[in-house]
């Protein structure tokens, strides 16, 4: 079956290896799905700087990319870092003609991972507080988030989820966005990109939903 199906390609730049491992896992799960309409190829480069990425790509072969990143905190350093990422993404669109989309997590990618197993609607004071819901969601006892991010540990957590869980994560993420809207929280706009300063909030699910929808999964 896989040999007869057309392959759709998706390009990402990501901040770290956990995001890369997740996207490669997602690719494999889709390509194992018997009801898919297309195969999937995911090019996910660990590259925190969108500028360094788009300078070395051809818009004809890479007309579109999504940058996966964290807000991390409201501290000035992290805010400035996030703003710089958005600036570089806009430059890639304006100067190179690449459609650069944003897939952010506020505070961090751990929010998206937790949503595969459970809701995570409460605001946190620090991104380190995702450790408890991670352990609860996956039946683990990681001592730190760094421990969770070790390759064997992270991939063990991935082995406990399925495409059905991905769809549940999308639904939970959409509910977070809807709740933010109902509670009167205003999205910030910068360089043409929208995001919420308050946590929890995210847009990474939009890129994942697009892949699932286009592949008919």
N, C-alpha and C. Protein backbone atom coordinates (compact mmCIF):
# COMPACT_ATOMS: atom_id res chain seq x y z
N UNK A 1 0.83 -1.21 0.00
CA UNK A 1 0.00 0.00 0.00
C UNK A 1 0.86 1.25 0.00
N UNK A 2 1.91 1.27 0.82
CA UNK A 2 2.73 2.47 0.96
C UNK A 2 3.39 2.85 -0.35
N UNK A 3 3.71 1.86 -1.19
CA UNK A 3 4.39 2.15 -2.45
C UNK A 3 3.46 2.84 -3.43
N UNK A 4 2.17 2.66 -3.27
CA UNK A 4 1.21 3.24 -4.21
C UNK A 4 0.75 4.63 -3.79
N UNK A 5 1.04 5.01 -2.57
CA UNK A 5 0.56 6.29 -2.06
C UNK A 5 1.55 7.41 -2.33
N UNK A 6 1.00 8.56 -2.65
CA UNK A 6 1.82 9.77 -2.79
C UNK A 6 2.32 10.18 -1.41
N UNK A 7 3.48 10.81 -1.35
CA UNK A 7 4.06 11.25 -0.09
C UNK A 7 3.95 12.77 0.05
N UNK A 8 3.39 13.21 1.17
CA UNK A 8 3.32 14.63 1.49
C UNK A 8 4.48 14.98 2.41
N UNK A 9 5.17 16.07 2.12
CA UNK A 9 6.33 16.47 2.91
C UNK A 9 6.01 17.69 3.78
N UNK A 10 6.47 17.63 5.01
CA UNK A 10 6.28 18.73 5.96
C UNK A 10 7.64 19.09 6.56
N UNK A 11 7.92 20.38 6.63
CA UNK A 11 9.21 20.85 7.10
C UNK A 11 9.02 21.62 8.42
N UNK A 12 9.85 21.26 9.39
CA UNK A 12 9.81 21.92 10.69
C UNK A 12 11.22 22.33 11.10
N UNK A 13 11.31 23.41 11.86
CA UNK A 13 12.50 23.69 12.64
C UNK A 13 12.06 23.64 14.10
N UNK A 14 12.89 23.04 14.94
CA UNK A 14 12.49 22.80 16.33
C UNK A 14 13.62 23.22 17.26
N UNK A 15 13.26 23.47 18.50
CA UNK A 15 14.25 23.95 19.48
C UNK A 15 15.11 22.85 20.05
N UNK A 16 14.59 21.64 20.12
CA UNK A 16 15.35 20.58 20.76
C UNK A 16 15.03 19.21 20.24
N UNK A 17 15.71 18.22 20.80
CA UNK A 17 15.56 16.85 20.31
C UNK A 17 14.21 16.23 20.65
N UNK A 18 13.60 16.61 21.77
CA UNK A 18 12.32 16.01 22.12
C UNK A 18 11.27 16.35 21.07
N UNK A 19 11.26 17.57 20.59
CA UNK A 19 10.33 17.95 19.53
C UNK A 19 10.61 17.16 18.25
N UNK A 20 11.89 16.98 17.94
CA UNK A 20 12.27 16.21 16.76
C UNK A 20 11.84 14.76 16.89
N UNK A 21 12.11 14.15 18.04
CA UNK A 21 11.71 12.76 18.27
C UNK A 21 10.20 12.61 18.15
N UNK A 22 9.46 13.57 18.68
CA UNK A 22 8.01 13.50 18.61
C UNK A 22 7.53 13.53 17.17
N UNK A 23 8.06 14.43 16.37
CA UNK A 23 7.62 14.55 14.99
C UNK A 23 7.97 13.31 14.17
N UNK A 24 9.13 12.72 14.42
CA UNK A 24 9.49 11.49 13.72
C UNK A 24 8.59 10.34 14.17
N UNK A 25 8.24 10.32 15.45
CA UNK A 25 7.28 9.32 15.95
C UNK A 25 5.93 9.50 15.25
N UNK A 26 5.47 10.74 15.14
CA UNK A 26 4.20 11.03 14.48
C UNK A 26 4.23 10.55 13.03
N UNK A 27 5.31 10.84 12.34
CA UNK A 27 5.48 10.37 10.96
C UNK A 27 5.30 8.86 10.87
N UNK A 28 5.97 8.15 11.74
CA UNK A 28 5.92 6.69 11.70
C UNK A 28 4.53 6.17 12.01
N UNK A 29 3.86 6.82 12.96
CA UNK A 29 2.50 6.37 13.30
C UNK A 29 1.54 6.58 12.13
N UNK A 30 1.66 7.69 11.46
CA UNK A 30 0.79 7.95 10.30
C UNK A 30 1.07 6.94 9.20
N UNK A 31 2.34 6.68 8.94
CA UNK A 31 2.69 5.77 7.85
C UNK A 31 2.33 4.31 8.15
N UNK A 32 2.04 4.00 9.40
CA UNK A 32 1.57 2.67 9.77
C UNK A 32 0.05 2.56 9.75
N UNK A 33 -0.62 3.70 9.61
CA UNK A 33 -2.09 3.73 9.65
C UNK A 33 -2.64 3.21 8.32
N UNK A 34 -3.40 2.15 8.35
CA UNK A 34 -3.88 1.51 7.13
C UNK A 34 -4.90 2.35 6.37
N UNK A 35 -5.54 3.29 7.06
CA UNK A 35 -6.58 4.09 6.41
C UNK A 35 -6.07 5.41 5.86
N UNK A 36 -4.77 5.67 5.97
CA UNK A 36 -4.23 6.94 5.49
C UNK A 36 -4.39 7.07 3.98
N UNK A 37 -4.48 8.30 3.53
CA UNK A 37 -4.60 8.58 2.10
C UNK A 37 -3.25 8.92 1.48
N UNK A 38 -2.31 9.32 2.32
CA UNK A 38 -0.97 9.68 1.85
C UNK A 38 0.06 9.17 2.85
N UNK A 39 1.26 8.94 2.36
CA UNK A 39 2.40 8.74 3.24
C UNK A 39 2.91 10.12 3.66
N UNK A 40 3.71 10.12 4.72
CA UNK A 40 4.20 11.38 5.26
C UNK A 40 5.72 11.35 5.34
N UNK A 41 6.34 12.44 4.91
CA UNK A 41 7.76 12.66 5.13
C UNK A 41 7.88 13.93 5.96
N UNK A 42 8.55 13.84 7.11
CA UNK A 42 8.72 15.00 7.98
C UNK A 42 10.20 15.31 8.11
N UNK A 43 10.56 16.51 7.70
CA UNK A 43 11.93 17.01 7.84
C UNK A 43 11.92 17.95 9.04
N UNK A 44 12.49 17.50 10.16
CA UNK A 44 12.49 18.29 11.39
C UNK A 44 13.92 18.54 11.81
N UNK A 45 14.38 19.75 11.61
CA UNK A 45 15.76 20.10 11.95
C UNK A 45 15.81 20.80 13.31
N UNK A 46 16.75 20.38 14.14
CA UNK A 46 16.97 21.07 15.41
C UNK A 46 17.73 22.35 15.09
N UNK A 47 17.00 23.45 15.09
CA UNK A 47 17.56 24.75 14.71
C UNK A 47 16.74 25.83 15.41
N UNK A 48 17.33 26.44 16.43
CA UNK A 48 16.60 27.44 17.20
C UNK A 48 16.45 28.76 16.44
N UNK A 49 17.29 28.98 15.44
CA UNK A 49 17.24 30.23 14.69
C UNK A 49 16.60 30.02 13.33
N UNK A 50 15.38 30.51 13.11
CA UNK A 50 14.78 30.41 11.79
C UNK A 50 15.64 31.04 10.70
N UNK A 51 16.37 32.10 11.04
CA UNK A 51 17.21 32.77 10.04
C UNK A 51 18.30 31.84 9.51
N UNK A 52 18.95 31.11 10.41
CA UNK A 52 20.01 30.19 9.98
C UNK A 52 19.44 29.11 9.09
N UNK A 53 18.18 28.73 9.33
CA UNK A 53 17.55 27.71 8.50
C UNK A 53 17.21 28.24 7.12
N UNK A 54 16.48 29.37 7.06
CA UNK A 54 15.97 29.79 5.75
C UNK A 54 17.06 30.31 4.82
N UNK A 55 18.21 30.69 5.37
CA UNK A 55 19.29 31.16 4.52
C UNK A 55 19.87 30.05 3.66
N UNK A 56 19.64 28.82 4.07
CA UNK A 56 20.24 27.69 3.37
C UNK A 56 19.23 26.81 2.64
N UNK A 57 18.01 27.32 2.43
CA UNK A 57 17.00 26.52 1.73
C UNK A 57 16.51 27.25 0.48
N UNK A 58 16.00 26.47 -0.44
CA UNK A 58 15.44 26.99 -1.68
C UNK A 58 13.93 27.04 -1.54
N UNK A 59 13.34 28.19 -1.81
CA UNK A 59 11.91 28.35 -1.63
C UNK A 59 11.11 27.44 -2.56
N UNK A 60 11.71 27.03 -3.68
CA UNK A 60 11.00 26.14 -4.61
C UNK A 60 10.85 24.75 -4.02
N UNK A 61 11.83 24.30 -3.26
CA UNK A 61 11.75 22.99 -2.64
C UNK A 61 11.18 23.04 -1.22
N UNK A 62 11.28 24.22 -0.60
CA UNK A 62 10.75 24.40 0.75
C UNK A 62 9.93 25.68 0.81
N UNK A 63 8.72 25.64 0.26
CA UNK A 63 7.89 26.86 0.25
C UNK A 63 7.24 27.16 1.58
N UNK A 64 7.25 26.17 2.49
CA UNK A 64 6.52 26.31 3.74
C UNK A 64 7.24 25.58 4.86
N UNK A 65 7.28 26.18 6.03
CA UNK A 65 7.89 25.54 7.20
C UNK A 65 7.17 26.02 8.46
N UNK A 66 7.29 25.22 9.51
CA UNK A 66 6.71 25.57 10.81
C UNK A 66 7.81 25.54 11.85
N UNK A 67 7.87 26.59 12.65
CA UNK A 67 8.86 26.63 13.73
C UNK A 67 8.18 26.28 15.04
N UNK A 68 8.70 25.24 15.71
CA UNK A 68 8.18 24.80 17.00
C UNK A 68 9.06 25.37 18.11
N UNK A 69 8.45 26.15 18.99
CA UNK A 69 9.25 26.78 20.04
C UNK A 69 8.43 26.98 21.30
N UNK A 70 9.13 27.30 22.39
CA UNK A 70 8.51 27.54 23.69
C UNK A 70 8.54 29.02 24.02
N UNK A 71 7.55 29.46 24.80
CA UNK A 71 7.58 30.81 25.35
C UNK A 71 8.51 30.83 26.58
N UNK A 72 8.48 29.77 27.36
CA UNK A 72 9.36 29.51 28.52
C UNK A 72 9.01 30.30 29.77
N UNK A 73 8.84 31.61 29.68
CA UNK A 73 8.43 32.38 30.85
C UNK A 73 8.14 33.81 30.40
N UNK A 74 7.70 34.63 31.36
CA UNK A 74 7.49 36.05 31.08
C UNK A 74 8.67 36.91 31.52
N UNK A 75 9.78 36.25 31.85
CA UNK A 75 10.99 36.99 32.19
C UNK A 75 11.51 37.71 30.94
N UNK A 76 12.08 38.92 31.11
CA UNK A 76 12.53 39.72 29.96
C UNK A 76 13.41 38.95 28.97
N UNK A 77 14.30 38.10 29.48
CA UNK A 77 15.20 37.36 28.60
C UNK A 77 14.42 36.43 27.67
N UNK A 78 13.47 35.69 28.24
CA UNK A 78 12.69 34.75 27.44
C UNK A 78 11.73 35.47 26.50
N UNK A 79 11.17 36.58 26.96
CA UNK A 79 10.30 37.37 26.09
C UNK A 79 11.08 37.89 24.88
N UNK A 80 12.28 38.42 25.12
CA UNK A 80 13.10 38.94 24.04
C UNK A 80 13.51 37.82 23.08
N UNK A 81 13.81 36.66 23.62
CA UNK A 81 14.17 35.51 22.79
C UNK A 81 13.01 35.12 21.88
N UNK A 82 11.81 35.05 22.43
CA UNK A 82 10.63 34.69 21.65
C UNK A 82 10.34 35.74 20.58
N UNK A 83 10.45 37.02 20.93
CA UNK A 83 10.24 38.09 19.97
C UNK A 83 11.25 38.00 18.82
N UNK A 84 12.47 37.66 19.13
CA UNK A 84 13.51 37.54 18.11
C UNK A 84 13.20 36.40 17.15
N UNK A 85 12.67 35.30 17.69
CA UNK A 85 12.27 34.18 16.83
C UNK A 85 11.19 34.63 15.85
N UNK A 86 10.20 35.36 16.34
CA UNK A 86 9.13 35.84 15.47
C UNK A 86 9.67 36.80 14.41
N UNK A 87 10.62 37.63 14.80
CA UNK A 87 11.25 38.55 13.84
C UNK A 87 11.95 37.77 12.73
N UNK A 88 12.70 36.76 13.09
CA UNK A 88 13.41 35.96 12.09
C UNK A 88 12.44 35.19 11.19
N UNK A 89 11.36 34.71 11.76
CA UNK A 89 10.35 34.02 10.95
C UNK A 89 9.76 34.97 9.92
N UNK A 90 9.45 36.19 10.34
CA UNK A 90 8.89 37.18 9.42
C UNK A 90 9.89 37.52 8.32
N UNK A 91 11.16 37.62 8.67
CA UNK A 91 12.18 37.88 7.67
C UNK A 91 12.22 36.76 6.63
N UNK A 92 12.08 35.52 7.10
CA UNK A 92 12.07 34.39 6.18
C UNK A 92 10.93 34.47 5.20
N UNK A 93 9.78 34.94 5.67
CA UNK A 93 8.62 35.09 4.79
C UNK A 93 8.80 36.26 3.84
N UNK A 94 9.30 37.39 4.37
CA UNK A 94 9.41 38.60 3.55
C UNK A 94 10.59 38.56 2.59
N UNK A 95 11.72 38.06 3.06
CA UNK A 95 12.94 38.11 2.26
C UNK A 95 13.13 36.88 1.37
N UNK A 96 12.69 35.73 1.85
CA UNK A 96 12.94 34.50 1.12
C UNK A 96 11.68 33.95 0.45
N UNK A 97 10.52 34.45 0.89
CA UNK A 97 9.27 33.97 0.31
C UNK A 97 8.77 32.68 0.91
N UNK A 98 9.36 32.25 2.03
CA UNK A 98 8.91 31.04 2.69
C UNK A 98 7.72 31.36 3.60
N UNK A 99 6.70 30.55 3.53
CA UNK A 99 5.57 30.70 4.45
C UNK A 99 5.98 30.05 5.78
N UNK A 100 6.39 30.89 6.72
CA UNK A 100 6.91 30.38 8.00
C UNK A 100 5.81 30.49 9.05
N UNK A 101 5.32 29.35 9.52
CA UNK A 101 4.24 29.31 10.49
C UNK A 101 4.77 29.07 11.89
N UNK A 102 4.00 29.50 12.87
CA UNK A 102 4.39 29.40 14.27
C UNK A 102 3.63 28.28 14.98
N UNK A 103 4.37 27.41 15.67
CA UNK A 103 3.77 26.40 16.53
C UNK A 103 4.36 26.53 17.92
N UNK A 104 3.77 27.38 18.75
CA UNK A 104 4.37 27.65 20.06
C UNK A 104 3.65 26.90 21.17
N UNK A 105 4.35 26.75 22.29
CA UNK A 105 3.76 26.21 23.52
C UNK A 105 4.11 27.17 24.65
N UNK A 106 3.13 27.47 25.48
CA UNK A 106 3.32 28.38 26.60
C UNK A 106 2.87 27.67 27.89
N UNK A 107 3.76 27.24 28.81
CA UNK A 107 5.15 27.62 28.76
C UNK A 107 6.01 26.79 27.80
N UNK A 108 5.79 25.49 27.75
CA UNK A 108 6.76 24.66 27.06
C UNK A 108 6.11 23.47 26.37
N UNK A 109 6.93 22.76 25.60
CA UNK A 109 6.49 21.59 24.83
C UNK A 109 5.87 20.52 25.72
N UNK A 110 6.25 20.49 27.00
CA UNK A 110 5.68 19.52 27.92
C UNK A 110 4.16 19.66 28.02
N UNK A 111 3.65 20.88 27.88
CA UNK A 111 2.20 21.09 27.87
C UNK A 111 1.56 20.24 26.79
N UNK A 112 2.11 20.31 25.58
CA UNK A 112 1.55 19.55 24.47
C UNK A 112 1.61 18.05 24.73
N UNK A 113 2.70 17.57 25.32
CA UNK A 113 2.83 16.15 25.61
C UNK A 113 1.80 15.70 26.65
N UNK A 114 1.63 16.50 27.71
CA UNK A 114 0.64 16.16 28.74
C UNK A 114 -0.75 16.03 28.14
N UNK A 115 -1.10 16.90 27.21
CA UNK A 115 -2.45 16.93 26.64
C UNK A 115 -2.81 15.64 25.90
N UNK A 116 -1.85 14.82 25.58
CA UNK A 116 -2.15 13.53 24.95
C UNK A 116 -2.85 12.59 25.92
N UNK A 117 -2.68 12.84 27.21
CA UNK A 117 -3.23 11.94 28.23
C UNK A 117 -4.26 12.59 29.14
N UNK A 118 -4.15 13.91 29.37
CA UNK A 118 -5.04 14.54 30.33
C UNK A 118 -5.14 16.03 30.07
N UNK A 119 -6.15 16.64 30.64
CA UNK A 119 -6.27 18.09 30.53
C UNK A 119 -5.20 18.75 31.37
N UNK A 120 -4.85 19.97 30.99
CA UNK A 120 -3.84 20.73 31.73
C UNK A 120 -4.20 22.20 31.56
N UNK A 121 -5.30 22.58 32.21
CA UNK A 121 -5.89 23.90 31.97
C UNK A 121 -5.45 24.97 32.96
N UNK A 122 -4.80 24.58 34.04
CA UNK A 122 -4.44 25.56 35.06
C UNK A 122 -3.14 26.28 34.76
N UNK A 123 -3.09 27.55 35.10
CA UNK A 123 -1.87 28.33 34.90
C UNK A 123 -0.80 27.87 35.88
N UNK A 124 0.45 27.85 35.41
CA UNK A 124 1.58 27.45 36.23
C UNK A 124 2.48 28.65 36.48
N UNK A 125 3.20 28.60 37.60
CA UNK A 125 4.12 29.69 37.92
C UNK A 125 5.49 29.50 37.28
N UNK A 126 5.81 28.26 36.94
CA UNK A 126 7.12 27.94 36.38
C UNK A 126 7.00 26.70 35.51
N UNK A 127 7.75 26.65 34.41
CA UNK A 127 7.65 25.52 33.48
C UNK A 127 8.09 24.21 34.13
N UNK A 128 8.88 24.28 35.19
CA UNK A 128 9.31 23.06 35.88
C UNK A 128 8.13 22.33 36.51
N UNK A 129 7.01 23.04 36.69
CA UNK A 129 5.84 22.43 37.31
C UNK A 129 5.13 21.45 36.38
N UNK A 130 5.57 21.34 35.14
CA UNK A 130 5.01 20.33 34.26
C UNK A 130 5.46 18.93 34.65
N UNK A 131 6.45 18.82 35.51
CA UNK A 131 6.95 17.51 35.91
C UNK A 131 5.86 16.65 36.54
N UNK A 132 5.08 17.22 37.43
CA UNK A 132 4.04 16.45 38.11
C UNK A 132 3.00 15.92 37.14
N UNK A 133 2.41 16.76 36.26
CA UNK A 133 1.43 16.20 35.31
C UNK A 133 2.05 15.21 34.32
N UNK A 134 3.33 15.38 33.98
CA UNK A 134 4.00 14.40 33.12
C UNK A 134 4.02 13.04 33.82
N UNK A 135 4.45 13.02 35.08
CA UNK A 135 4.51 11.77 35.83
C UNK A 135 3.13 11.16 36.00
N UNK A 136 2.13 12.00 36.26
CA UNK A 136 0.76 11.49 36.42
C UNK A 136 0.23 10.92 35.12
N UNK A 137 0.48 11.62 34.03
CA UNK A 137 -0.08 11.22 32.74
C UNK A 137 0.51 9.90 32.24
N UNK A 138 1.79 9.69 32.51
CA UNK A 138 2.47 8.53 31.93
C UNK A 138 2.85 7.47 32.95
N UNK A 139 2.41 7.64 34.20
CA UNK A 139 2.69 6.65 35.21
C UNK A 139 4.17 6.51 35.49
N UNK A 140 4.87 7.64 35.49
CA UNK A 140 6.31 7.65 35.69
C UNK A 140 6.67 8.35 37.01
N UNK A 141 7.94 8.34 37.31
CA UNK A 141 8.41 9.01 38.53
C UNK A 141 9.72 9.75 38.23
N UNK A 142 9.72 10.49 37.14
CA UNK A 142 10.92 11.26 36.78
C UNK A 142 11.22 12.27 37.88
N UNK A 143 12.50 12.42 38.19
CA UNK A 143 12.89 13.34 39.26
C UNK A 143 12.95 14.78 38.78
N UNK A 144 13.26 14.96 37.49
CA UNK A 144 13.34 16.30 36.90
C UNK A 144 12.85 16.23 35.46
N UNK A 145 12.59 17.39 34.88
CA UNK A 145 12.22 17.42 33.46
C UNK A 145 13.38 16.98 32.58
N UNK A 146 14.60 17.27 33.01
CA UNK A 146 15.75 16.80 32.24
C UNK A 146 15.78 15.28 32.19
N UNK A 147 15.40 14.66 33.30
CA UNK A 147 15.31 13.20 33.34
C UNK A 147 14.27 12.71 32.34
N UNK A 148 13.13 13.36 32.29
CA UNK A 148 12.07 13.03 31.33
C UNK A 148 12.56 13.17 29.89
N UNK A 149 13.43 14.14 29.64
CA UNK A 149 13.88 14.44 28.29
C UNK A 149 15.00 13.53 27.80
N UNK A 150 15.53 12.67 28.66
CA UNK A 150 16.50 11.69 28.19
C UNK A 150 15.84 10.83 27.11
N UNK A 151 16.60 10.50 26.09
CA UNK A 151 16.01 9.84 24.91
C UNK A 151 15.21 8.59 25.26
N UNK A 152 15.77 7.69 26.04
CA UNK A 152 15.06 6.46 26.36
C UNK A 152 13.79 6.73 27.14
N UNK A 153 13.84 7.68 28.06
CA UNK A 153 12.67 8.00 28.86
C UNK A 153 11.57 8.65 28.02
N UNK A 154 11.99 9.61 27.20
CA UNK A 154 11.00 10.30 26.37
C UNK A 154 10.34 9.34 25.39
N UNK A 155 11.15 8.50 24.77
CA UNK A 155 10.59 7.57 23.78
C UNK A 155 9.73 6.49 24.45
N UNK A 156 10.02 6.18 25.72
CA UNK A 156 9.15 5.27 26.45
C UNK A 156 7.77 5.89 26.65
N UNK A 157 7.75 7.19 26.91
CA UNK A 157 6.46 7.88 27.02
C UNK A 157 5.73 7.89 25.69
N UNK A 158 6.47 8.10 24.60
CA UNK A 158 5.85 8.07 23.27
C UNK A 158 5.22 6.71 22.99
N UNK A 159 5.85 5.65 23.50
CA UNK A 159 5.31 4.31 23.25
C UNK A 159 3.98 4.08 23.95
N UNK A 160 3.62 4.98 24.86
CA UNK A 160 2.37 4.85 25.61
C UNK A 160 1.22 5.64 24.99
N UNK A 161 1.47 6.29 23.85
CA UNK A 161 0.41 7.05 23.19
C UNK A 161 0.20 6.56 21.77
N UNK A 162 -0.90 6.98 21.17
CA UNK A 162 -1.30 6.56 19.84
C UNK A 162 -1.84 7.75 19.06
N UNK A 163 -2.19 7.52 17.81
CA UNK A 163 -2.81 8.59 17.02
C UNK A 163 -4.13 9.05 17.65
N UNK A 164 -4.83 8.13 18.30
CA UNK A 164 -6.07 8.52 19.00
C UNK A 164 -5.75 9.53 20.09
N UNK A 165 -4.63 9.35 20.79
CA UNK A 165 -4.22 10.30 21.82
C UNK A 165 -3.82 11.64 21.21
N UNK A 166 -3.22 11.61 20.02
CA UNK A 166 -2.87 12.85 19.33
C UNK A 166 -4.14 13.66 19.05
N UNK A 167 -5.17 12.98 18.58
CA UNK A 167 -6.43 13.66 18.29
C UNK A 167 -7.05 14.22 19.57
N UNK A 168 -6.92 13.48 20.67
CA UNK A 168 -7.41 13.99 21.96
C UNK A 168 -6.62 15.21 22.41
N UNK A 169 -5.32 15.20 22.14
CA UNK A 169 -4.48 16.35 22.50
C UNK A 169 -4.91 17.58 21.71
N UNK A 170 -5.24 17.38 20.44
CA UNK A 170 -5.70 18.49 19.61
C UNK A 170 -6.99 19.07 20.17
N UNK A 171 -7.92 18.18 20.54
CA UNK A 171 -9.19 18.64 21.11
C UNK A 171 -8.98 19.41 22.41
N UNK A 172 -8.10 18.91 23.26
CA UNK A 172 -7.83 19.60 24.53
C UNK A 172 -7.14 20.94 24.29
N UNK A 173 -6.26 21.00 23.31
CA UNK A 173 -5.60 22.26 22.98
C UNK A 173 -6.60 23.28 22.45
N UNK A 174 -7.53 22.81 21.63
CA UNK A 174 -8.56 23.71 21.10
C UNK A 174 -9.45 24.23 22.21
N UNK A 175 -9.70 23.41 23.21
CA UNK A 175 -10.51 23.85 24.35
C UNK A 175 -9.77 24.91 25.17
N UNK A 176 -8.46 24.78 25.27
CA UNK A 176 -7.67 25.79 25.97
C UNK A 176 -7.80 27.13 25.26
N UNK A 177 -7.67 27.10 23.93
CA UNK A 177 -7.81 28.33 23.14
C UNK A 177 -9.20 28.93 23.29
N UNK A 178 -10.20 28.06 23.22
CA UNK A 178 -11.59 28.52 23.38
C UNK A 178 -11.81 29.13 24.75
N UNK A 179 -11.24 28.51 25.77
CA UNK A 179 -11.37 29.03 27.14
C UNK A 179 -10.70 30.38 27.28
N UNK A 180 -9.53 30.54 26.67
CA UNK A 180 -8.84 31.83 26.71
C UNK A 180 -9.68 32.92 26.07
N UNK A 181 -10.34 32.57 24.97
CA UNK A 181 -11.20 33.54 24.28
C UNK A 181 -12.41 33.90 25.15
N UNK A 182 -13.04 32.89 25.74
CA UNK A 182 -14.23 33.13 26.57
C UNK A 182 -13.89 33.94 27.81
N UNK A 183 -12.68 33.77 28.32
CA UNK A 183 -12.27 34.49 29.52
C UNK A 183 -11.74 35.89 29.21
N UNK A 184 -11.86 36.28 27.95
CA UNK A 184 -11.49 37.64 27.57
C UNK A 184 -10.00 37.90 27.43
N UNK A 185 -9.21 36.84 27.37
CA UNK A 185 -7.77 37.04 27.18
C UNK A 185 -7.50 37.47 25.74
N UNK A 186 -6.67 38.44 25.58
CA UNK A 186 -6.39 39.00 24.27
C UNK A 186 -5.08 38.43 23.70
N UNK A 187 -5.13 38.04 22.47
CA UNK A 187 -3.92 37.58 21.82
C UNK A 187 -3.00 38.76 21.50
N UNK A 188 -1.72 38.55 21.66
CA UNK A 188 -0.74 39.53 21.27
C UNK A 188 -0.42 39.35 19.79
N UNK A 189 -0.11 40.42 19.13
CA UNK A 189 0.29 40.37 17.72
C UNK A 189 1.69 40.94 17.58
N UNK A 190 2.54 40.19 16.90
CA UNK A 190 3.90 40.68 16.66
C UNK A 190 4.40 40.11 15.35
N UNK A 191 4.79 41.00 14.46
CA UNK A 191 5.32 40.60 13.16
C UNK A 191 4.35 39.71 12.38
N UNK A 192 3.06 39.91 12.63
CA UNK A 192 2.05 39.13 11.92
C UNK A 192 1.70 37.80 12.57
N UNK A 193 2.29 37.50 13.73
CA UNK A 193 2.02 36.26 14.44
C UNK A 193 1.23 36.54 15.70
N UNK A 194 0.30 35.64 16.02
CA UNK A 194 -0.56 35.81 17.19
C UNK A 194 -0.22 34.78 18.25
N UNK A 195 -0.30 35.20 19.52
CA UNK A 195 -0.02 34.29 20.62
C UNK A 195 -0.59 34.88 21.91
N UNK A 196 -0.78 34.02 22.90
CA UNK A 196 -1.21 34.46 24.22
C UNK A 196 0.00 34.56 25.14
N UNK A 197 0.07 35.63 25.89
CA UNK A 197 1.16 35.79 26.85
C UNK A 197 0.93 34.92 28.09
N UNK A 198 -0.34 34.62 28.37
CA UNK A 198 -0.66 33.82 29.55
C UNK A 198 -0.58 32.33 29.24
N UNK A 199 -0.18 31.55 30.22
CA UNK A 199 -0.23 30.10 30.09
C UNK A 199 -1.44 29.56 30.85
N UNK A 200 -1.99 28.42 30.43
CA UNK A 200 -1.55 27.63 29.28
C UNK A 200 -2.10 28.18 27.98
N UNK A 201 -1.31 28.09 26.94
CA UNK A 201 -1.75 28.42 25.59
C UNK A 201 -0.78 27.78 24.62
N UNK A 202 -1.23 27.57 23.42
CA UNK A 202 -0.39 26.91 22.43
C UNK A 202 -1.02 26.99 21.05
N UNK A 203 -0.17 26.78 20.04
CA UNK A 203 -0.66 26.68 18.66
C UNK A 203 -0.03 25.51 17.92
N UNK A 204 0.82 24.75 18.59
CA UNK A 204 1.48 23.61 17.95
C UNK A 204 0.47 22.62 17.39
N UNK A 205 -0.68 22.52 18.06
CA UNK A 205 -1.69 21.57 17.61
C UNK A 205 -2.23 21.89 16.23
N UNK A 206 -2.15 23.15 15.82
CA UNK A 206 -2.67 23.52 14.51
C UNK A 206 -1.87 22.86 13.39
N UNK A 207 -0.54 22.82 13.54
CA UNK A 207 0.31 22.17 12.54
C UNK A 207 0.08 20.67 12.53
N UNK A 208 -0.10 20.07 13.71
CA UNK A 208 -0.32 18.63 13.79
C UNK A 208 -1.68 18.27 13.19
N UNK A 209 -2.69 19.07 13.48
CA UNK A 209 -4.04 18.82 12.94
C UNK A 209 -4.02 18.91 11.42
N UNK A 210 -3.29 19.85 10.88
CA UNK A 210 -3.19 19.99 9.43
C UNK A 210 -2.62 18.72 8.79
N UNK A 211 -1.59 18.16 9.40
CA UNK A 211 -1.00 16.94 8.86
C UNK A 211 -2.01 15.81 8.89
N UNK A 212 -2.67 15.60 10.01
CA UNK A 212 -3.64 14.52 10.12
C UNK A 212 -4.78 14.68 9.12
N UNK A 213 -5.28 15.91 8.99
CA UNK A 213 -6.39 16.16 8.07
C UNK A 213 -5.98 15.91 6.63
N UNK A 214 -4.82 16.40 6.26
CA UNK A 214 -4.39 16.26 4.87
C UNK A 214 -4.08 14.82 4.50
N UNK A 215 -3.66 14.04 5.49
CA UNK A 215 -3.34 12.63 5.23
C UNK A 215 -4.54 11.72 5.42
N UNK A 216 -5.65 12.30 5.82
CA UNK A 216 -6.87 11.50 5.98
C UNK A 216 -6.81 10.50 7.12
N UNK A 217 -6.10 10.86 8.18
CA UNK A 217 -5.96 9.97 9.33
C UNK A 217 -6.98 10.31 10.41
